[in-house]
Amino acid sequence: MIGQMPRKSPNPQDHIERLLVLRRSATPEVPLDGMAILGRAKRLTALTRPAIEAVFARYELESGEFDVLATLRRAGTPYELRPTELMRDLLVSSGGLTDRLARLERKGFIERRKAPEDARSMLARLTSKGRRWIDRAYAEDMAVEEAMLAPLTQNERRQLARLLAKLLVSLEHASDV
């Protein structure tokens, strides 16, 4: 077969399935549902992140910065939240958030100000530049993700989203996150 293109298998296997076949033969008594599901989730993340991160890079954003801007944008007018609200929504530490906010402020995407009702408390607000930036970056990100989902029908997408949500709710509840 040297010099020829290999034929596509009529039933292509993903990387995890190949590992499962090997694992089943080595330890048939061990249940492998976790590997079949969570291994694929991990692999999907690894395969999708580069294209998504490339979108962020085109907008001079790191992933965490994108998340802050997107969170402020979905907060609605005036696109403003307390750092404690951002930490809760983003599941990030105080130090990690402080660094992100400082970088975003230097870029002109957010501004920080004292809360009018409590001078000890700060608010992070999306600037008009930040709003334009995140709207464009978010639209491009969603287009990239939509293209990634092209092999799935709308019904399959809804079913997969429901099943993943069910699993996530259970795991979040168990970990009290």
Protein backbone atom coordinates (compact mmCIF):
# COMPACT_ATOMS: atom_id res chain seq x y z
CA MET A 1 0.00 0.00 0.00
CA ILE A 2 3.05 2.25 -0.19
CA GLY A 3 2.28 5.37 -2.21
CA GLN A 4 -1.48 4.83 -1.95
CA MET A 5 -3.92 6.65 0.27
CA PRO A 6 -5.40 4.37 2.93
CA ARG A 7 -9.08 3.64 2.49
CA LYS A 8 -11.49 5.11 4.96
CA SER A 9 -12.97 2.54 7.25
CA PRO A 10 -16.72 2.03 6.71
CA ASN A 11 -17.08 2.31 10.51
CA PRO A 12 -14.46 4.83 11.61
CA GLN A 13 -13.41 4.67 15.24
CA ASP A 14 -12.44 7.64 17.31
CA HIS A 15 -9.25 7.58 19.35
CA ILE A 16 -11.06 6.70 22.57
CA GLU A 17 -12.86 3.75 20.98
CA ARG A 18 -9.52 2.30 19.90
CA LEU A 19 -8.30 2.61 23.48
CA LEU A 20 -11.50 1.03 24.79
CA VAL A 21 -11.09 -1.98 22.52
CA LEU A 22 -7.59 -2.53 23.87
CA ARG A 23 -8.67 -1.98 27.45
CA ARG A 24 -11.64 -4.37 27.18
CA SER A 25 -9.34 -7.15 26.05
CA ALA A 26 -6.85 -6.43 28.84
CA THR A 27 -9.37 -6.07 31.68
CA PRO A 28 -12.83 -7.24 30.57
CA GLU A 29 -14.17 -7.16 34.14
CA VAL A 30 -13.59 -3.38 34.57
CA PRO A 31 -16.48 -1.10 33.53
CA LEU A 32 -15.33 1.48 30.98
CA ASP A 33 -18.29 3.89 30.72
CA GLY A 34 -16.28 6.60 32.47
CA MET A 35 -13.50 6.31 29.93
CA ALA A 36 -15.99 6.17 27.06
CA ILE A 37 -17.74 9.38 28.15
CA LEU A 38 -15.24 11.43 30.15
CA GLY A 39 -12.32 10.43 27.94
CA ARG A 40 -14.22 11.71 24.93
CA ALA A 41 -15.11 14.93 26.75
CA LYS A 42 -11.43 15.48 27.52
CA ARG A 43 -10.43 14.68 23.93
CA LEU A 44 -13.12 17.02 22.53
CA THR A 45 -11.80 19.82 24.71
CA ALA A 46 -8.23 19.20 23.55
CA LEU A 47 -9.29 19.18 19.88
CA THR A 48 -11.58 22.22 20.02
CA ARG A 49 -9.52 24.59 22.20
CA PRO A 50 -6.91 25.55 19.57
CA ALA A 51 -9.52 26.93 17.12
CA ILE A 52 -11.40 28.70 19.91
CA GLU A 53 -8.20 30.13 21.40
CA ALA A 54 -7.24 31.37 17.92
CA VAL A 55 -10.42 33.46 17.85
CA PHE A 56 -9.52 34.98 21.22
CA ALA A 57 -5.98 35.69 20.02
CA ARG A 58 -7.30 37.57 16.99
CA TYR A 59 -9.05 39.87 19.46
CA GLU A 60 -5.95 40.15 21.67
CA LEU A 61 -7.67 38.24 24.47
CA GLU A 62 -6.74 35.32 26.63
CA SER A 63 -9.44 32.79 27.43
CA GLY A 64 -9.99 34.15 30.95
CA GLU A 65 -10.25 37.72 29.67
CA PHE A 66 -12.84 36.64 27.10
CA ASP A 67 -14.83 35.02 29.91
CA VAL A 68 -14.81 38.23 31.98
CA LEU A 69 -15.98 40.35 29.03
CA ALA A 70 -18.66 37.82 28.07
CA THR A 71 -19.91 37.70 31.67
CA LEU A 72 -20.13 41.49 31.90
CA ARG A 73 -21.91 41.62 28.52
CA ARG A 74 -24.58 39.10 29.51
CA ALA A 75 -25.14 40.97 32.80
CA GLY A 76 -27.11 43.51 30.77
CA THR A 77 -27.12 47.28 31.03
CA PRO A 78 -25.03 48.84 32.53
CA TYR A 79 -22.75 45.80 31.92
CA GLU A 80 -21.35 46.04 35.40
CA LEU A 81 -20.68 43.54 38.21
CA ARG A 82 -18.85 43.36 41.52
CA PRO A 83 -15.69 41.25 41.52
CA THR A 84 -17.38 38.80 43.92
CA GLU A 85 -20.15 38.29 41.34
CA LEU A 86 -17.57 37.72 38.61
CA MET A 87 -15.64 35.25 40.79
CA ARG A 88 -18.85 33.31 41.47
CA ASP A 89 -19.86 33.18 37.80
CA LEU A 90 -16.37 32.40 36.49
CA LEU A 91 -15.28 30.04 39.28
CA VAL A 92 -11.99 31.89 39.59
CA SER A 93 -9.91 33.01 42.58
CA SER A 94 -9.72 36.60 43.75
CA GLY A 95 -6.09 36.88 42.64
CA GLY A 96 -6.80 35.41 39.22
CA LEU A 97 -9.70 37.79 38.68
CA THR A 98 -7.70 40.82 39.84
CA ASP A 99 -5.03 40.07 37.22
CA ARG A 100 -7.63 39.68 34.47
CA LEU A 101 -9.39 42.90 35.42
CA ALA A 102 -6.09 44.82 35.45
CA ARG A 103 -5.18 43.56 31.98
CA LEU A 104 -8.64 44.36 30.60
CA GLU A 105 -8.55 47.83 32.13
CA ARG A 106 -5.14 48.53 30.53
CA LYS A 107 -6.60 47.48 27.16
CA GLY A 108 -9.53 49.86 27.63
CA PHE A 109 -12.15 47.07 27.66
CA ILE A 110 -13.35 47.68 31.21
CA GLU A 111 -13.26 50.40 33.80
CA ARG A 112 -13.34 49.97 37.55
CA ARG A 113 -15.03 52.34 39.92
CA LYS A 114 -16.17 52.49 43.51
CA ALA A 115 -19.70 51.28 44.13
CA PRO A 116 -21.91 54.31 44.90
CA GLU A 117 -23.62 52.57 47.84
CA ASP A 118 -20.37 51.29 49.39
CA ALA A 119 -17.08 53.10 48.75
CA ARG A 120 -15.16 50.01 49.92
CA SER A 121 -16.64 47.95 47.09
CA MET A 122 -15.53 48.16 43.47
CA LEU A 123 -17.49 47.57 40.27
CA ALA A 124 -16.13 46.38 36.92
CA ARG A 125 -17.94 47.88 33.94
CA LEU A 126 -17.65 47.05 30.27
CA THR A 127 -16.59 50.10 28.23
CA SER A 128 -18.15 50.83 24.85
CA LYS A 129 -14.89 49.60 23.27
CA GLY A 130 -15.09 46.42 25.36
CA ARG A 131 -18.70 45.88 24.36
CA ARG A 132 -17.92 46.20 20.65
CA TRP A 133 -14.88 43.94 21.07
CA ILE A 134 -16.70 41.16 22.94
CA ASP A 135 -19.69 41.29 20.58
CA ARG A 136 -17.43 40.66 17.58
CA ALA A 137 -15.25 38.07 19.34
CA TYR A 138 -18.29 36.23 20.71
CA ALA A 139 -20.01 36.10 17.30
CA GLU A 140 -16.85 34.70 15.70
CA ASP A 141 -16.42 32.17 18.54
CA MET A 142 -19.99 30.97 18.13
CA ALA A 143 -19.48 30.60 14.35
CA VAL A 144 -16.39 28.44 14.96
CA GLU A 145 -18.26 26.30 17.49
CA GLU A 146 -21.25 25.99 15.14
CA ALA A 147 -18.95 24.66 12.42
CA MET A 148 -17.53 22.12 14.87
CA LEU A 149 -21.04 20.84 15.57
CA ALA A 150 -21.88 20.43 11.87
CA PRO A 151 -21.80 16.60 11.98
CA LEU A 152 -24.70 16.60 14.46
CA THR A 153 -28.34 17.22 13.59
CA GLN A 154 -30.32 19.77 15.60
CA ASN A 155 -32.07 16.94 17.42
CA GLU A 156 -28.74 15.27 18.25
CA ARG A 157 -27.38 18.58 19.53
CA ARG A 158 -30.37 19.10 21.83
CA GLN A 159 -30.17 15.51 23.08
CA LEU A 160 -26.43 15.72 23.73
CA ALA A 161 -26.82 19.09 25.49
CA ARG A 162 -29.59 17.67 27.72
CA LEU A 163 -27.53 14.62 28.67
CA LEU A 164 -24.41 16.68 29.40
CA ALA A 165 -26.49 19.11 31.48
CA LYS A 166 -27.95 16.21 33.47
CA LEU A 167 -24.48 14.86 34.22
CA LEU A 168 -23.09 18.31 35.02
CA VAL A 169 -25.92 19.16 37.44
CA SER A 170 -25.29 15.91 39.28
CA LEU A 171 -21.53 16.50 39.49
CA GLU A 172 -21.95 20.16 40.51
CA HIS A 173 -24.42 19.19 43.20
CA ALA A 174 -22.08 16.50 44.52
CA SER A 175 -19.14 18.93 44.69
CA ASP A 176 -21.18 21.93 45.93
CA VAL A 177 -19.63 24.17 43.25
